[in-house]
Protein backbone atom coordinates (compact mmCIF):
# COMPACT_ATOMS: atom_id res chain seq x y z
CA MET A 1 0.00 0.00 0.00
CA LYS A 2 1.44 3.34 -1.04
CA LYS A 3 1.81 6.06 1.55
CA ILE A 4 0.38 9.43 0.65
CA VAL A 5 2.68 12.23 1.69
CA SER A 6 1.21 15.68 2.05
CA PHE A 7 2.55 18.99 3.24
CA GLN A 8 1.29 22.49 3.79
CA LEU A 9 3.07 25.74 3.07
CA SER A 10 3.00 28.41 5.73
CA ILE A 11 1.45 31.78 4.93
CA PRO A 12 4.90 33.50 4.82
CA ALA A 13 6.19 30.83 2.41
CA ILE A 14 3.19 31.30 0.13
CA VAL A 15 3.68 35.08 0.16
CA LEU A 16 7.38 34.60 -0.67
CA LEU A 17 6.59 32.33 -3.62
CA LEU A 18 4.01 34.75 -4.99
CA THR A 19 6.48 37.65 -4.62
CA MET A 20 9.21 35.69 -6.45
CA ASN A 21 6.86 34.79 -9.30
CA THR A 22 5.75 38.40 -9.64
CA ALA A 23 9.38 39.62 -9.67
CA CYS A 24 10.32 37.08 -12.37
CA ALA A 25 7.37 38.16 -14.52
CA GLN A 26 8.30 41.83 -14.16
CA GLN A 27 11.94 41.08 -15.06
CA GLN A 28 10.89 39.31 -18.27
CA ASP A 29 8.99 42.44 -19.32
CA MET A 30 11.99 44.74 -18.80
CA LYS A 31 14.07 46.35 -21.56
CA PRO A 32 17.89 46.76 -21.52
CA GLU A 33 17.50 50.55 -21.27
CA GLU A 34 15.75 50.26 -17.92
CA THR A 35 19.02 49.29 -16.19
CA GLU A 36 21.22 51.87 -17.94
CA VAL A 37 22.45 54.71 -15.73
CA TRP A 38 23.62 57.81 -17.64
CA LYS A 39 24.33 60.17 -14.74
CA PRO A 40 26.50 61.00 -12.95
CA ILE A 41 29.21 61.01 -15.63
CA PRO A 42 32.64 60.20 -14.09
CA GLY A 43 35.16 63.05 -14.39
CA LYS A 44 38.15 62.57 -16.71
CA VAL A 45 41.62 62.13 -15.23
CA ASP A 46 44.98 61.70 -16.99
CA PRO A 47 46.67 58.44 -15.92
CA ASN A 48 50.05 59.74 -17.22
CA GLY A 49 52.92 57.27 -17.68
CA PHE A 50 52.50 53.54 -18.17
CA ASN A 51 55.25 50.95 -17.83
CA ASP A 52 55.18 47.21 -18.46
CA LYS A 53 55.74 45.22 -15.30
CA ALA A 54 56.89 41.62 -14.98
CA PRO A 55 54.56 39.31 -13.00
CA PRO A 56 55.38 38.58 -9.35
CA SER A 57 57.38 35.42 -8.71
CA ASP A 58 54.33 33.55 -7.35
CA ALA A 59 51.97 34.55 -10.16
CA ILE A 60 50.14 32.18 -12.48
CA VAL A 61 50.86 33.50 -15.97
CA LEU A 62 47.78 33.15 -18.17
CA PHE A 63 49.19 34.85 -21.27
CA ASP A 64 52.71 36.12 -21.98
CA GLY A 65 52.50 36.38 -25.77
CA SER A 66 53.73 32.89 -26.58
CA ASP A 67 50.61 30.70 -26.80
CA LEU A 68 47.03 30.10 -25.67
CA ASP A 69 47.76 26.89 -23.77
CA GLU A 70 45.95 28.24 -20.68
CA TRP A 71 42.79 29.05 -22.62
CA GLU A 72 39.91 27.31 -24.36
CA SER A 73 36.67 28.23 -26.07
CA ALA A 74 34.00 29.43 -23.63
CA GLY A 75 31.30 28.00 -25.87
CA GLU A 76 32.56 24.43 -26.01
CA GLU A 77 34.54 22.84 -23.20
CA GLY A 78 37.89 21.53 -24.44
CA ALA A 79 37.66 23.29 -27.81
CA PRO A 80 40.69 25.49 -28.62
CA ALA A 81 40.63 29.26 -28.22
CA GLU A 82 40.58 30.77 -31.70
CA TRP A 83 41.72 34.34 -31.05
CA ASN A 84 44.72 35.72 -32.94
CA ILE A 85 48.23 36.03 -31.50
CA SER A 86 50.56 38.69 -32.92
CA GLY A 87 53.81 39.69 -31.23
CA ASP A 88 53.19 39.89 -27.48
CA HIS A 89 49.40 40.19 -27.61
CA LEU A 90 46.22 38.34 -28.56
CA THR A 91 43.23 39.90 -30.29
CA VAL A 92 39.56 39.01 -30.38
CA ALA A 93 38.68 37.25 -33.62
CA PRO A 94 35.09 38.52 -33.94
CA GLY A 95 32.58 35.75 -34.34
CA THR A 96 34.77 32.99 -32.89
CA GLY A 97 33.28 33.40 -29.43
CA SER A 98 34.55 34.25 -25.98
CA ILE A 99 37.50 32.40 -24.43
CA GLN A 100 38.07 31.22 -20.87
CA THR A 101 40.84 29.81 -18.74
CA LYS A 102 41.10 26.03 -18.57
CA GLN A 103 41.66 26.36 -14.83
CA GLY A 104 39.05 27.62 -12.39
CA PHE A 105 39.73 30.37 -9.86
CA GLY A 106 38.02 31.97 -6.87
CA SER A 107 39.42 35.03 -5.10
CA VAL A 108 42.33 36.51 -7.04
CA GLN A 109 44.63 39.43 -7.67
CA LEU A 110 44.41 39.81 -11.46
CA HIS A 111 46.47 41.95 -13.84
CA VAL A 112 45.27 42.47 -17.42
CA GLU A 113 46.49 44.85 -20.12
CA TRP A 114 44.13 45.67 -22.96
CA ARG A 115 43.87 47.91 -26.01
CA SER A 116 40.90 49.11 -28.03
CA PRO A 117 41.42 49.40 -31.82
CA GLU A 118 43.36 52.47 -32.99
CA LYS A 119 40.91 52.89 -35.86
CA VAL A 120 37.72 54.19 -34.27
CA GLU A 121 34.60 52.48 -35.55
CA GLY A 122 31.14 52.65 -34.05
CA GLU A 123 30.02 54.52 -30.98
CA GLY A 124 28.72 53.87 -27.49
CA GLN A 125 28.64 50.15 -26.68
CA GLY A 126 29.67 49.33 -30.25
CA ARG A 127 33.15 50.83 -29.91
CA GLY A 128 36.01 48.68 -28.59
CA ASN A 129 33.71 46.50 -26.50
CA SER A 130 34.85 43.40 -24.62
CA GLY A 131 34.78 42.32 -20.99
CA ILE A 132 36.57 40.42 -18.24
CA PHE A 133 34.30 38.00 -16.39
CA LEU A 134 35.48 36.88 -12.95
CA GLN A 135 34.36 33.29 -12.33
CA GLY A 136 32.76 33.55 -15.76
CA LYS A 137 29.85 35.50 -14.25
CA TYR A 138 30.82 38.95 -12.95
CA GLU A 139 31.87 41.45 -15.64
CA LEU A 140 34.41 44.23 -15.45
CA GLN A 141 33.66 46.19 -18.62
CA VAL A 142 36.26 46.75 -21.34
CA LEU A 143 35.30 49.56 -23.73
CA ASP A 144 36.82 52.44 -25.65
CA SER A 145 35.68 55.19 -23.27
CA TYR A 146 37.85 57.98 -24.66
CA ASN A 147 35.39 60.70 -25.76
CA ASN A 148 32.74 58.06 -26.25
CA GLU A 149 29.31 58.73 -24.77
CA THR A 150 27.40 55.81 -23.30
CA TYR A 151 25.58 54.96 -20.08
CA SER A 152 27.90 55.42 -17.09
CA ASN A 153 27.34 51.96 -15.65
CA GLY A 154 28.41 50.46 -18.99
CA MET A 155 31.63 52.40 -19.64
CA ALA A 156 35.14 51.01 -19.16
CA GLY A 157 35.98 50.48 -15.50
CA SER A 158 32.37 49.77 -14.59
CA ILE A 159 31.07 46.61 -13.02
CA TYR A 160 28.66 46.26 -15.89
CA LYS A 161 25.24 47.72 -15.07
CA GLN A 162 26.05 47.64 -11.35
CA HIS A 163 28.77 50.12 -10.36
CA ILE A 164 29.90 53.31 -12.13
CA PRO A 165 33.69 53.90 -12.02
CA LEU A 166 34.83 56.70 -9.72
CA VAL A 167 36.58 58.44 -12.64
CA ASN A 168 37.24 57.94 -16.35
CA ALA A 169 40.95 57.02 -16.70
CA ALA A 170 40.75 56.12 -20.40
CA ARG A 171 43.69 56.42 -22.74
CA GLU A 172 43.28 57.23 -26.42
CA PRO A 173 42.24 54.45 -28.82
CA GLY A 174 45.17 52.23 -29.76
CA GLU A 175 47.08 52.85 -26.50
CA TRP A 176 47.65 50.06 -24.00
CA GLN A 177 45.69 50.24 -20.76
CA SER A 178 45.79 48.19 -17.57
CA TYR A 179 43.43 46.79 -14.97
CA ASP A 180 44.70 45.66 -11.57
CA ILE A 181 41.93 43.82 -9.81
CA ILE A 182 41.40 42.49 -6.30
CA TYR A 183 38.44 40.11 -6.43
CA THR A 184 36.84 38.32 -3.50
CA ALA A 185 34.60 35.46 -4.59
CA PRO A 186 31.13 35.03 -3.08
CA GLU A 187 30.48 32.37 -0.44
CA PHE A 188 27.36 30.26 -0.07
CA GLU A 189 25.89 28.31 2.83
CA GLU A 190 25.49 24.54 2.47
CA GLU A 191 21.78 25.08 1.87
CA GLY A 192 22.60 27.35 -1.08
CA ARG A 193 21.86 30.67 0.61
CA LEU A 194 24.29 33.53 0.01
CA LYS A 195 26.72 33.85 2.92
CA SER A 196 28.76 36.78 1.58
CA PRO A 197 28.61 38.54 -1.82
CA ALA A 198 31.52 38.99 -4.21
CA ARG A 199 33.54 42.18 -3.80
CA ILE A 200 35.96 43.93 -6.15
CA THR A 201 38.56 46.68 -6.18
CA VAL A 202 39.86 47.95 -9.53
CA PHE A 203 42.76 50.20 -10.50
CA TRP A 204 42.50 51.40 -14.11
CA ASN A 205 45.86 52.61 -15.42
CA GLY A 206 46.93 52.92 -11.79
CA VAL A 207 43.89 55.01 -10.81
CA LEU A 208 41.36 53.66 -8.30
CA VAL A 209 37.96 53.33 -10.00
CA GLN A 210 36.20 50.66 -7.87
CA ASP A 211 36.82 50.70 -4.13
CA ASP A 212 35.86 47.36 -2.56
CA VAL A 213 32.35 47.47 -4.00
CA GLU A 214 29.80 44.73 -3.48
CA ILE A 215 28.84 42.82 -6.60
CA GLU A 216 25.07 42.36 -6.66
CA GLY A 217 25.04 39.09 -8.61
CA PRO A 218 25.98 37.73 -12.05
CA THR A 219 26.04 40.30 -14.84
CA GLU A 220 22.69 40.82 -16.57
CA TYR A 221 22.10 42.74 -19.80
CA ILE A 222 18.37 42.89 -19.14
CA GLY A 223 16.92 43.08 -15.64
CA HIS A 224 18.47 43.03 -12.21
CA PRO A 225 21.12 40.59 -10.93
CA SER A 226 20.54 37.99 -8.25
CA TYR A 227 22.83 35.30 -6.86
CA GLU A 228 22.57 31.60 -7.57
CA VAL A 229 24.83 29.09 -5.86
CA HIS A 230 27.83 28.02 -7.96
CA GLU A 231 31.17 26.28 -7.70
CA GLU A 232 33.96 27.84 -5.64
CA LYS A 233 36.37 27.99 -8.58
CA LEU A 234 35.33 28.84 -12.13
CA PRO A 235 37.18 30.06 -15.25
CA ILE A 236 38.02 33.68 -16.02
CA MET A 237 36.42 34.65 -19.33
CA LEU A 238 37.36 37.25 -21.95
CA GLN A 239 34.41 38.36 -24.07
CA ASP A 240 34.02 38.37 -27.83
CA HIS A 241 31.72 41.35 -28.36
CA SER A 242 32.43 41.60 -32.11
CA ASN A 243 35.21 44.20 -31.69
CA PRO A 244 38.95 43.40 -32.23
CA VAL A 245 40.11 44.32 -28.73
CA SER A 246 43.63 43.15 -27.81
CA TYR A 247 45.04 41.74 -24.56
CA ARG A 248 48.52 41.06 -23.21
CA ASN A 249 50.46 40.38 -20.00
CA ILE A 250 47.69 38.52 -18.15
CA TRP A 251 48.58 37.03 -14.78
CA LEU A 252 47.03 36.40 -11.40
CA ARG A 253 47.76 35.43 -7.82
CA GLU A 254 45.29 33.18 -6.03
CA LEU A 255 44.07 34.64 -2.74
CA ASP A 256 42.14 31.64 -1.45
CA LYS A 257 44.67 28.82 -1.57
């Protein structure tokens, strides 16, 4: 004889479920423009000199100009990264897809140098667009933001659609730029609840633009972010956004060994 198992939801649980369903429905009806923030516009500062620096002795070198052995396609696990290497840098091959590290990482100190195309094409989000995704989920925007109007929470140095950079430290198109990032990965309880959110500090060309800000959840183009439990260590991803942005001298130090 089969046992019939029944349960009853409490009133607060029912209210929570109804609220969640309503929020999901509202999010589906949103447009990308509803999460764009155009003001305030960060003031322009001159980052002055820029010198190449060798990685620290304990760094994991992800790209030094020689090969893409540390990378793979983000669209197909194990498939090779198809971006172009020339000299000491690699460049997005538009249409080949984003690339990610073969190894997963959590909290890190990350150094990345990048360059938007010298030939200016497009405007706003269509000009020199790429992105660095910590744990493959949380985007630090890469964009040609030199005299290029767009929404402030989508310019270079922003945590995309979450945090506006403190200032605009952009160099001219075609010049190398740097990000130095301190990233603290989120932690989750065993039950899947968020224990502590991700946090990030960013220096753009040596200028502080994000000061230990709280990341609100995985990057969303449409709607608002919210956390979902995920693995402790996930790949770092570089985005193919159809613009030939270049990268070089990529290394990191793990902070959660």
